[in-house]
Amino acid sequence: MRFSELIPLTAALVNFLLTLFVTSRGLRSGVIRVYAMWGTALTIWNLGTFFMFRVQSQEEALFWARFLHMGVIFLPITLTHLCYLIGHIPVSRIIVLGYVMHTMLAISNLTDFYITDARYLGYAYYAEAGPGYWILVFTFSIPALAV
């Protein structure tokens, strides 16, 4: 195992343990529930990235690319929601619409609309973006605007 493979594996483990620790305090608080979703999304992303460094075939790489993007897709909306809750800002319907949009992107992740293929770049496989991916890129500005 190369050192570069240990970085996402360590991140997945740390994010998973931190999410477990936070959720062990109880799920009654909305902040903890949203943090659990955000921490799970981070863990999925990191774990998928680890496997993208390990796969040996294009078919496996495409599976893991779609797996890791299931986590990436929910990062902007859960982070935005978390910022609202931490800042005691009333959560509006825009958050609900954001979850709906990100859920639709997650469903499209199973098709070529989101990721068209996986390509080997000499040291690891990387996903090739479809049109849905560029929609997600736009949503990464939302947490910054929320703050």
N, C-alpha and C. Protein backbone atom coordinates (compact mmCIF):
# COMPACT_ATOMS: atom_id res chain seq x y z
N MET A 1 0.84 -1.17 0.00
CA MET A 1 0.00 0.00 0.00
C MET A 1 0.89 1.24 0.00
N ARG A 2 0.57 2.13 -0.93
CA ARG A 2 1.33 3.38 -1.04
C ARG A 2 0.85 4.39 0.00
N PHE A 3 1.74 5.33 0.32
CA PHE A 3 1.40 6.35 1.30
C PHE A 3 0.20 7.17 0.84
N SER A 4 0.13 7.47 -0.45
CA SER A 4 -0.98 8.28 -0.97
C SER A 4 -2.33 7.60 -0.77
N GLU A 5 -2.36 6.28 -0.65
CA GLU A 5 -3.60 5.56 -0.40
C GLU A 5 -4.03 5.68 1.07
N LEU A 6 -3.07 5.88 1.95
CA LEU A 6 -3.38 5.97 3.38
C LEU A 6 -4.08 7.28 3.74
N ILE A 7 -3.87 8.32 2.96
CA ILE A 7 -4.46 9.62 3.29
C ILE A 7 -5.98 9.55 3.27
N PRO A 8 -6.62 9.11 2.17
CA PRO A 8 -8.09 9.04 2.22
C PRO A 8 -8.61 7.96 3.17
N LEU A 9 -7.87 6.89 3.36
CA LEU A 9 -8.30 5.86 4.30
C LEU A 9 -8.30 6.40 5.72
N THR A 10 -7.26 7.13 6.08
CA THR A 10 -7.18 7.75 7.41
C THR A 10 -8.30 8.78 7.58
N ALA A 11 -8.53 9.58 6.55
CA ALA A 11 -9.60 10.58 6.62
C ALA A 11 -10.96 9.91 6.80
N ALA A 12 -11.19 8.79 6.09
CA ALA A 12 -12.46 8.07 6.23
C ALA A 12 -12.63 7.57 7.66
N LEU A 13 -11.58 7.00 8.21
CA LEU A 13 -11.64 6.47 9.57
C LEU A 13 -11.88 7.59 10.59
N VAL A 14 -11.15 8.69 10.47
CA VAL A 14 -11.30 9.80 11.41
C VAL A 14 -12.70 10.41 11.30
N ASN A 15 -13.18 10.63 10.07
CA ASN A 15 -14.52 11.20 9.90
C ASN A 15 -15.60 10.26 10.44
N PHE A 16 -15.42 8.96 10.22
CA PHE A 16 -16.39 7.99 10.73
C PHE A 16 -16.42 8.00 12.25
N LEU A 17 -15.24 7.97 12.88
CA LEU A 17 -15.17 7.96 14.34
C LEU A 17 -15.71 9.26 14.94
N LEU A 18 -15.41 10.39 14.30
CA LEU A 18 -15.91 11.66 14.80
C LEU A 18 -17.44 11.73 14.67
N THR A 19 -17.96 11.22 13.57
CA THR A 19 -19.42 11.18 13.39
C THR A 19 -20.07 10.28 14.44
N LEU A 20 -19.44 9.13 14.70
CA LEU A 20 -19.96 8.25 15.76
C LEU A 20 -19.94 8.94 17.12
N PHE A 21 -18.85 9.64 17.40
CA PHE A 21 -18.74 10.33 18.69
C PHE A 21 -19.84 11.37 18.83
N VAL A 22 -20.03 12.20 17.80
CA VAL A 22 -21.05 13.25 17.87
C VAL A 22 -22.44 12.66 18.00
N THR A 23 -22.73 11.62 17.23
CA THR A 23 -24.07 11.03 17.28
C THR A 23 -24.30 10.23 18.57
N SER A 24 -23.23 9.86 19.26
CA SER A 24 -23.40 9.14 20.53
C SER A 24 -24.01 10.04 21.60
N ARG A 25 -24.03 11.33 21.36
CA ARG A 25 -24.62 12.28 22.30
C ARG A 25 -26.13 12.34 22.17
N GLY A 26 -26.68 11.61 21.19
CA GLY A 26 -28.13 11.58 20.99
C GLY A 26 -28.50 12.26 19.68
N LEU A 27 -29.59 11.80 19.10
CA LEU A 27 -30.02 12.35 17.81
C LEU A 27 -31.24 13.27 17.94
N ARG A 28 -31.51 13.74 19.15
CA ARG A 28 -32.65 14.63 19.34
C ARG A 28 -32.40 16.01 18.75
N SER A 29 -31.18 16.45 18.78
CA SER A 29 -30.84 17.78 18.28
C SER A 29 -30.75 17.77 16.76
N GLY A 30 -31.35 18.77 16.15
CA GLY A 30 -31.27 18.90 14.69
C GLY A 30 -29.84 19.09 14.21
N VAL A 31 -29.04 19.81 14.99
CA VAL A 31 -27.64 20.02 14.61
C VAL A 31 -26.90 18.69 14.54
N ILE A 32 -27.14 17.83 15.50
CA ILE A 32 -26.45 16.54 15.51
C ILE A 32 -26.92 15.67 14.34
N ARG A 33 -28.22 15.69 14.04
CA ARG A 33 -28.72 14.89 12.91
C ARG A 33 -28.12 15.37 11.59
N VAL A 34 -28.05 16.67 11.40
CA VAL A 34 -27.47 17.20 10.15
C VAL A 34 -25.97 16.93 10.13
N TYR A 35 -25.30 17.06 11.28
CA TYR A 35 -23.88 16.74 11.34
C TYR A 35 -23.66 15.27 10.99
N ALA A 36 -24.55 14.40 11.43
CA ALA A 36 -24.43 12.97 11.11
C ALA A 36 -24.51 12.75 9.60
N MET A 37 -25.41 13.47 8.94
CA MET A 37 -25.51 13.35 7.47
C MET A 37 -24.24 13.86 6.80
N TRP A 38 -23.75 15.02 7.29
CA TRP A 38 -22.54 15.61 6.71
C TRP A 38 -21.33 14.71 6.94
N GLY A 39 -21.19 14.19 8.16
CA GLY A 39 -20.07 13.30 8.48
C GLY A 39 -20.13 12.00 7.69
N THR A 40 -21.33 11.49 7.47
CA THR A 40 -21.49 10.28 6.66
C THR A 40 -21.10 10.55 5.21
N ALA A 41 -21.50 11.70 4.69
CA ALA A 41 -21.13 12.07 3.32
C ALA A 41 -19.60 12.18 3.19
N LEU A 42 -18.96 12.79 4.17
CA LEU A 42 -17.49 12.89 4.14
C LEU A 42 -16.84 11.51 4.18
N THR A 43 -17.37 10.65 5.03
CA THR A 43 -16.81 9.29 5.15
C THR A 43 -16.95 8.52 3.84
N ILE A 44 -18.11 8.60 3.21
CA ILE A 44 -18.33 7.92 1.92
C ILE A 44 -17.37 8.45 0.87
N TRP A 45 -17.20 9.76 0.82
CA TRP A 45 -16.28 10.37 -0.14
C TRP A 45 -14.86 9.87 0.09
N ASN A 46 -14.39 9.92 1.33
CA ASN A 46 -13.02 9.49 1.63
C ASN A 46 -12.80 8.01 1.37
N LEU A 47 -13.76 7.17 1.74
CA LEU A 47 -13.64 5.74 1.50
C LEU A 47 -13.62 5.43 0.01
N GLY A 48 -14.49 6.08 -0.74
CA GLY A 48 -14.50 5.89 -2.19
C GLY A 48 -13.20 6.32 -2.83
N THR A 49 -12.63 7.42 -2.35
CA THR A 49 -11.35 7.90 -2.87
C THR A 49 -10.25 6.88 -2.61
N PHE A 50 -10.25 6.29 -1.42
CA PHE A 50 -9.27 5.25 -1.11
C PHE A 50 -9.36 4.11 -2.12
N PHE A 51 -10.57 3.65 -2.40
CA PHE A 51 -10.72 2.54 -3.34
C PHE A 51 -10.39 2.93 -4.78
N MET A 52 -10.56 4.21 -5.12
CA MET A 52 -10.17 4.66 -6.47
C MET A 52 -8.66 4.52 -6.66
N PHE A 53 -7.89 4.63 -5.59
CA PHE A 53 -6.45 4.41 -5.67
C PHE A 53 -6.10 2.93 -5.77
N ARG A 54 -7.01 2.05 -5.34
CA ARG A 54 -6.72 0.62 -5.24
C ARG A 54 -7.23 -0.22 -6.40
N VAL A 55 -8.22 0.25 -7.14
CA VAL A 55 -8.87 -0.59 -8.16
C VAL A 55 -7.90 -0.91 -9.30
N GLN A 56 -8.20 -2.00 -9.98
CA GLN A 56 -7.33 -2.46 -11.06
C GLN A 56 -8.01 -2.44 -12.42
N SER A 57 -9.33 -2.22 -12.45
CA SER A 57 -10.04 -2.24 -13.74
C SER A 57 -10.94 -1.01 -13.86
N GLN A 58 -11.27 -0.70 -15.09
CA GLN A 58 -12.12 0.46 -15.36
C GLN A 58 -13.52 0.25 -14.80
N GLU A 59 -14.05 -0.96 -14.84
CA GLU A 59 -15.39 -1.24 -14.33
C GLU A 59 -15.46 -1.00 -12.81
N GLU A 60 -14.44 -1.49 -12.10
CA GLU A 60 -14.38 -1.25 -10.66
C GLU A 60 -14.25 0.24 -10.37
N ALA A 61 -13.44 0.91 -11.15
CA ALA A 61 -13.23 2.34 -10.95
C ALA A 61 -14.53 3.13 -11.15
N LEU A 62 -15.32 2.75 -12.14
CA LEU A 62 -16.59 3.43 -12.37
C LEU A 62 -17.53 3.23 -11.18
N PHE A 63 -17.56 2.01 -10.64
CA PHE A 63 -18.39 1.75 -9.45
C PHE A 63 -17.96 2.64 -8.30
N TRP A 64 -16.65 2.66 -8.00
CA TRP A 64 -16.17 3.44 -6.86
C TRP A 64 -16.27 4.94 -7.10
N ALA A 65 -16.17 5.37 -8.35
CA ALA A 65 -16.35 6.79 -8.66
C ALA A 65 -17.79 7.20 -8.35
N ARG A 66 -18.73 6.37 -8.73
CA ARG A 66 -20.13 6.67 -8.43
C ARG A 66 -20.40 6.57 -6.93
N PHE A 67 -19.76 5.62 -6.26
CA PHE A 67 -19.90 5.48 -4.81
C PHE A 67 -19.42 6.74 -4.10
N LEU A 68 -18.22 7.18 -4.41
CA LEU A 68 -17.66 8.34 -3.71
C LEU A 68 -18.45 9.60 -4.00
N HIS A 69 -19.01 9.69 -5.21
CA HIS A 69 -19.79 10.88 -5.53
C HIS A 69 -21.14 10.91 -4.84
N MET A 70 -21.62 9.75 -4.35
CA MET A 70 -22.82 9.78 -3.52
C MET A 70 -22.56 10.61 -2.26
N GLY A 71 -21.35 10.54 -1.75
CA GLY A 71 -20.99 11.39 -0.62
C GLY A 71 -20.78 12.83 -1.03
N VAL A 72 -20.07 13.04 -2.13
CA VAL A 72 -19.77 14.40 -2.59
C VAL A 72 -21.05 15.17 -2.90
N ILE A 73 -22.02 14.50 -3.47
CA ILE A 73 -23.26 15.17 -3.86
C ILE A 73 -23.95 15.82 -2.66
N PHE A 74 -23.90 15.17 -1.51
CA PHE A 74 -24.62 15.71 -0.35
C PHE A 74 -23.79 16.65 0.52
N LEU A 75 -22.53 16.86 0.19
CA LEU A 75 -21.70 17.77 0.99
C LEU A 75 -22.20 19.21 0.98
N PRO A 76 -22.49 19.83 -0.17
CA PRO A 76 -22.87 21.25 -0.12
C PRO A 76 -24.17 21.52 0.64
N ILE A 77 -25.18 20.69 0.42
CA ILE A 77 -26.46 20.96 1.08
C ILE A 77 -26.40 20.67 2.57
N THR A 78 -25.72 19.62 2.97
CA THR A 78 -25.64 19.33 4.41
C THR A 78 -24.76 20.37 5.12
N LEU A 79 -23.70 20.84 4.46
CA LEU A 79 -22.88 21.88 5.07
C LEU A 79 -23.64 23.19 5.18
N THR A 80 -24.41 23.53 4.16
CA THR A 80 -25.23 24.73 4.21
C THR A 80 -26.24 24.63 5.36
N HIS A 81 -26.91 23.50 5.44
CA HIS A 81 -27.90 23.28 6.50
C HIS A 81 -27.24 23.37 7.88
N LEU A 82 -26.06 22.76 8.01
CA LEU A 82 -25.33 22.81 9.27
C LEU A 82 -24.94 24.25 9.64
N CYS A 83 -24.49 25.02 8.67
CA CYS A 83 -24.15 26.43 8.92
C CYS A 83 -25.37 27.21 9.41
N TYR A 84 -26.51 26.97 8.79
CA TYR A 84 -27.74 27.64 9.23
C TYR A 84 -28.06 27.29 10.67
N LEU A 85 -27.98 26.01 11.01
CA LEU A 85 -28.33 25.59 12.37
C LEU A 85 -27.35 26.12 13.41
N ILE A 86 -26.06 26.07 13.09
CA ILE A 86 -25.05 26.57 14.03
C ILE A 86 -25.19 28.08 14.22
N GLY A 87 -25.52 28.78 13.14
CA GLY A 87 -25.68 30.23 13.21
C GLY A 87 -27.03 30.68 13.70
N HIS A 88 -27.89 29.73 14.08
CA HIS A 88 -29.25 30.02 14.55
C HIS A 88 -30.03 30.84 13.53
N ILE A 89 -29.82 30.53 12.27
CA ILE A 89 -30.55 31.17 11.18
C ILE A 89 -31.76 30.29 10.87
N PRO A 90 -32.94 30.87 10.78
CA PRO A 90 -34.11 30.04 10.48
C PRO A 90 -33.94 29.31 9.14
N VAL A 91 -34.23 28.03 9.16
CA VAL A 91 -34.09 27.21 7.96
C VAL A 91 -35.32 27.43 7.09
N SER A 92 -35.09 27.86 5.87
CA SER A 92 -36.18 28.17 4.97
C SER A 92 -36.48 27.01 4.02
N ARG A 93 -37.45 27.21 3.19
CA ARG A 93 -37.83 26.19 2.21
C ARG A 93 -36.72 25.94 1.19
N ILE A 94 -35.82 26.87 1.07
CA ILE A 94 -34.73 26.70 0.11
C ILE A 94 -33.88 25.49 0.46
N ILE A 95 -33.75 25.19 1.76
CA ILE A 95 -33.00 24.00 2.19
C ILE A 95 -33.72 22.75 1.72
N VAL A 96 -35.03 22.72 1.87
CA VAL A 96 -35.81 21.57 1.41
C VAL A 96 -35.64 21.40 -0.09
N LEU A 97 -35.72 22.48 -0.84
CA LEU A 97 -35.51 22.41 -2.29
C LEU A 97 -34.09 21.95 -2.62
N GLY A 98 -33.14 22.38 -1.80
CA GLY A 98 -31.75 21.94 -1.99
C GLY A 98 -31.61 20.44 -1.80
N TYR A 99 -32.26 19.90 -0.77
CA TYR A 99 -32.22 18.44 -0.55
C TYR A 99 -32.88 17.70 -1.71
N VAL A 100 -33.97 18.24 -2.21
CA VAL A 100 -34.64 17.61 -3.36
C VAL A 100 -33.71 17.61 -4.57
N MET A 101 -33.08 18.75 -4.85
CA MET A 101 -32.18 18.85 -5.99
C MET A 101 -30.99 17.89 -5.85
N HIS A 102 -30.42 17.82 -4.66
CA HIS A 102 -29.28 16.94 -4.45
C HIS A 102 -29.67 15.48 -4.50
N THR A 103 -30.89 15.17 -4.06
CA THR A 103 -31.38 13.80 -4.19
C THR A 103 -31.55 13.43 -5.65
N MET A 104 -32.04 14.36 -6.45
CA MET A 104 -32.16 14.09 -7.89
C MET A 104 -30.78 13.90 -8.52
N LEU A 105 -29.79 14.68 -8.09
CA LEU A 105 -28.42 14.48 -8.57
C LEU A 105 -27.89 13.11 -8.14
N ALA A 106 -28.22 12.69 -6.93
CA ALA A 106 -27.78 11.36 -6.45
C ALA A 106 -28.39 10.26 -7.31
N ILE A 107 -29.64 10.40 -7.68
CA ILE A 107 -30.28 9.41 -8.55
C ILE A 107 -29.62 9.42 -9.92
N SER A 108 -29.30 10.62 -10.42
CA SER A 108 -28.64 10.72 -11.74
C SER A 108 -27.22 10.18 -11.70
N ASN A 109 -26.65 10.07 -10.50
CA ASN A 109 -25.30 9.51 -10.35
C ASN A 109 -25.24 8.06 -10.81
N LEU A 110 -26.37 7.40 -10.85
CA LEU A 110 -26.43 6.01 -11.29
C LEU A 110 -26.44 5.91 -12.82
N THR A 111 -26.47 7.04 -13.49
CA THR A 111 -26.52 7.07 -14.96
C THR A 111 -25.31 7.82 -15.51
N ASP A 112 -25.23 7.86 -16.82
CA ASP A 112 -24.15 8.61 -17.47
C ASP A 112 -24.37 10.12 -17.44
N PHE A 113 -25.51 10.56 -16.94
CA PHE A 113 -25.76 12.00 -16.86
C PHE A 113 -24.81 12.66 -15.86
N TYR A 114 -24.45 11.95 -14.82
CA TYR A 114 -23.59 12.53 -13.78
C TYR A 114 -22.11 12.19 -14.01
N ILE A 115 -21.80 10.91 -14.14
CA ILE A 115 -20.44 10.47 -14.42
C ILE A 115 -20.50 9.59 -15.67
N THR A 116 -19.71 9.96 -16.67
CA THR A 116 -19.77 9.21 -17.93
C THR A 116 -18.83 8.02 -17.95
N ASP A 117 -17.69 8.12 -17.25
CA ASP A 117 -16.70 7.05 -17.29
C ASP A 117 -15.66 7.29 -16.21
N ALA A 118 -14.74 6.36 -16.08
CA ALA A 118 -13.59 6.51 -15.19
C ALA A 118 -12.33 6.28 -16.03
N ARG A 119 -11.36 7.14 -15.84
CA ARG A 119 -10.14 7.07 -16.64
C ARG A 119 -8.92 6.96 -15.74
N TYR A 120 -7.97 6.12 -16.15
CA TYR A 120 -6.71 5.96 -15.40
C TYR A 120 -5.75 7.05 -15.83
N LEU A 121 -5.19 7.77 -14.86
CA LEU A 121 -4.29 8.89 -15.15
C LEU A 121 -2.86 8.63 -14.72
N GLY A 122 -2.45 7.36 -14.69
CA GLY A 122 -1.07 7.02 -14.40
C GLY A 122 -0.81 6.58 -12.98
N TYR A 123 -1.62 7.03 -12.03
CA TYR A 123 -1.42 6.63 -10.64
C TYR A 123 -2.74 6.30 -9.96
N ALA A 124 -3.85 6.70 -10.55
CA ALA A 124 -5.18 6.41 -9.98
C ALA A 124 -6.23 6.65 -11.05
N TYR A 125 -7.41 6.12 -10.79
CA TYR A 125 -8.56 6.37 -11.66
C TYR A 125 -9.29 7.63 -11.19
N TYR A 126 -9.83 8.36 -12.15
CA TYR A 126 -10.63 9.54 -11.86
C TYR A 126 -11.89 9.51 -12.70
N ALA A 127 -12.95 10.10 -12.17
CA ALA A 127 -14.23 10.13 -12.86
C ALA A 127 -14.21 11.16 -13.97
N GLU A 128 -14.91 10.84 -15.06
CA GLU A 128 -15.14 11.81 -16.13
C GLU A 128 -16.53 12.40 -15.94
N ALA A 129 -16.59 13.71 -15.90
CA ALA A 129 -17.83 14.40 -15.57
C ALA A 129 -18.83 14.38 -16.71
N GLY A 130 -20.09 14.21 -16.32
CA GLY A 130 -21.21 14.38 -17.23
C GLY A 130 -21.87 15.72 -16.93
N PRO A 131 -22.96 16.04 -17.60
CA PRO A 131 -23.62 17.34 -17.38
C PRO A 131 -24.09 17.55 -15.93
N GLY A 132 -24.55 16.49 -15.27
CA GLY A 132 -25.01 16.62 -13.88
C GLY A 132 -23.92 17.03 -12.92
N TYR A 133 -22.70 16.62 -13.22
CA TYR A 133 -21.56 16.98 -12.37
C TYR A 133 -21.38 18.49 -12.33
N TRP A 134 -21.56 19.15 -13.46
CA TRP A 134 -21.36 20.59 -13.52
C TRP A 134 -22.48 21.34 -12.79
N ILE A 135 -23.64 20.73 -12.70
CA ILE A 135 -24.71 21.31 -11.87
C ILE A 135 -24.27 21.28 -10.41
N LEU A 136 -23.68 20.16 -9.98
CA LEU A 136 -23.20 20.06 -8.60
C LEU A 136 -22.11 21.07 -8.31
N VAL A 137 -21.20 21.27 -9.24
CA VAL A 137 -20.10 22.23 -9.04
C VAL A 137 -20.66 23.60 -8.68
N PHE A 138 -21.73 23.99 -9.35
CA PHE A 138 -22.36 25.27 -9.05
C PHE A 138 -22.85 25.33 -7.60
N THR A 139 -23.37 24.21 -7.08
CA THR A 139 -23.94 24.21 -5.73
C THR A 139 -22.88 24.36 -4.64
N PHE A 140 -21.61 24.18 -4.96
CA PHE A 140 -20.58 24.32 -3.93
C PHE A 140 -20.37 25.77 -3.50
N SER A 141 -20.95 26.71 -4.23
CA SER A 141 -20.88 28.10 -3.79
C SER A 141 -21.93 28.41 -2.73
N ILE A 142 -22.94 27.56 -2.59
CA ILE A 142 -24.04 27.84 -1.65
C ILE A 142 -23.58 27.88 -0.18
N PRO A 143 -22.74 26.92 0.30
CA PRO A 143 -22.30 27.05 1.70
C PRO A 143 -21.55 28.36 1.97
N ALA A 144 -20.77 28.81 1.02
CA ALA A 144 -20.04 30.07 1.22
C ALA A 144 -21.01 31.23 1.32
N LEU A 145 -22.05 31.21 0.51
CA LEU A 145 -23.05 32.26 0.58
C LEU A 145 -23.85 32.19 1.88
N ALA A 146 -24.07 30.97 2.38
CA ALA A 146 -24.82 30.80 3.63
C ALA A 146 -24.06 31.37 4.82
N VAL A 147 -22.76 31.24 4.79
CA VAL A 147 -21.95 31.74 5.89
C VAL A 147 -21.92 33.25 5.85
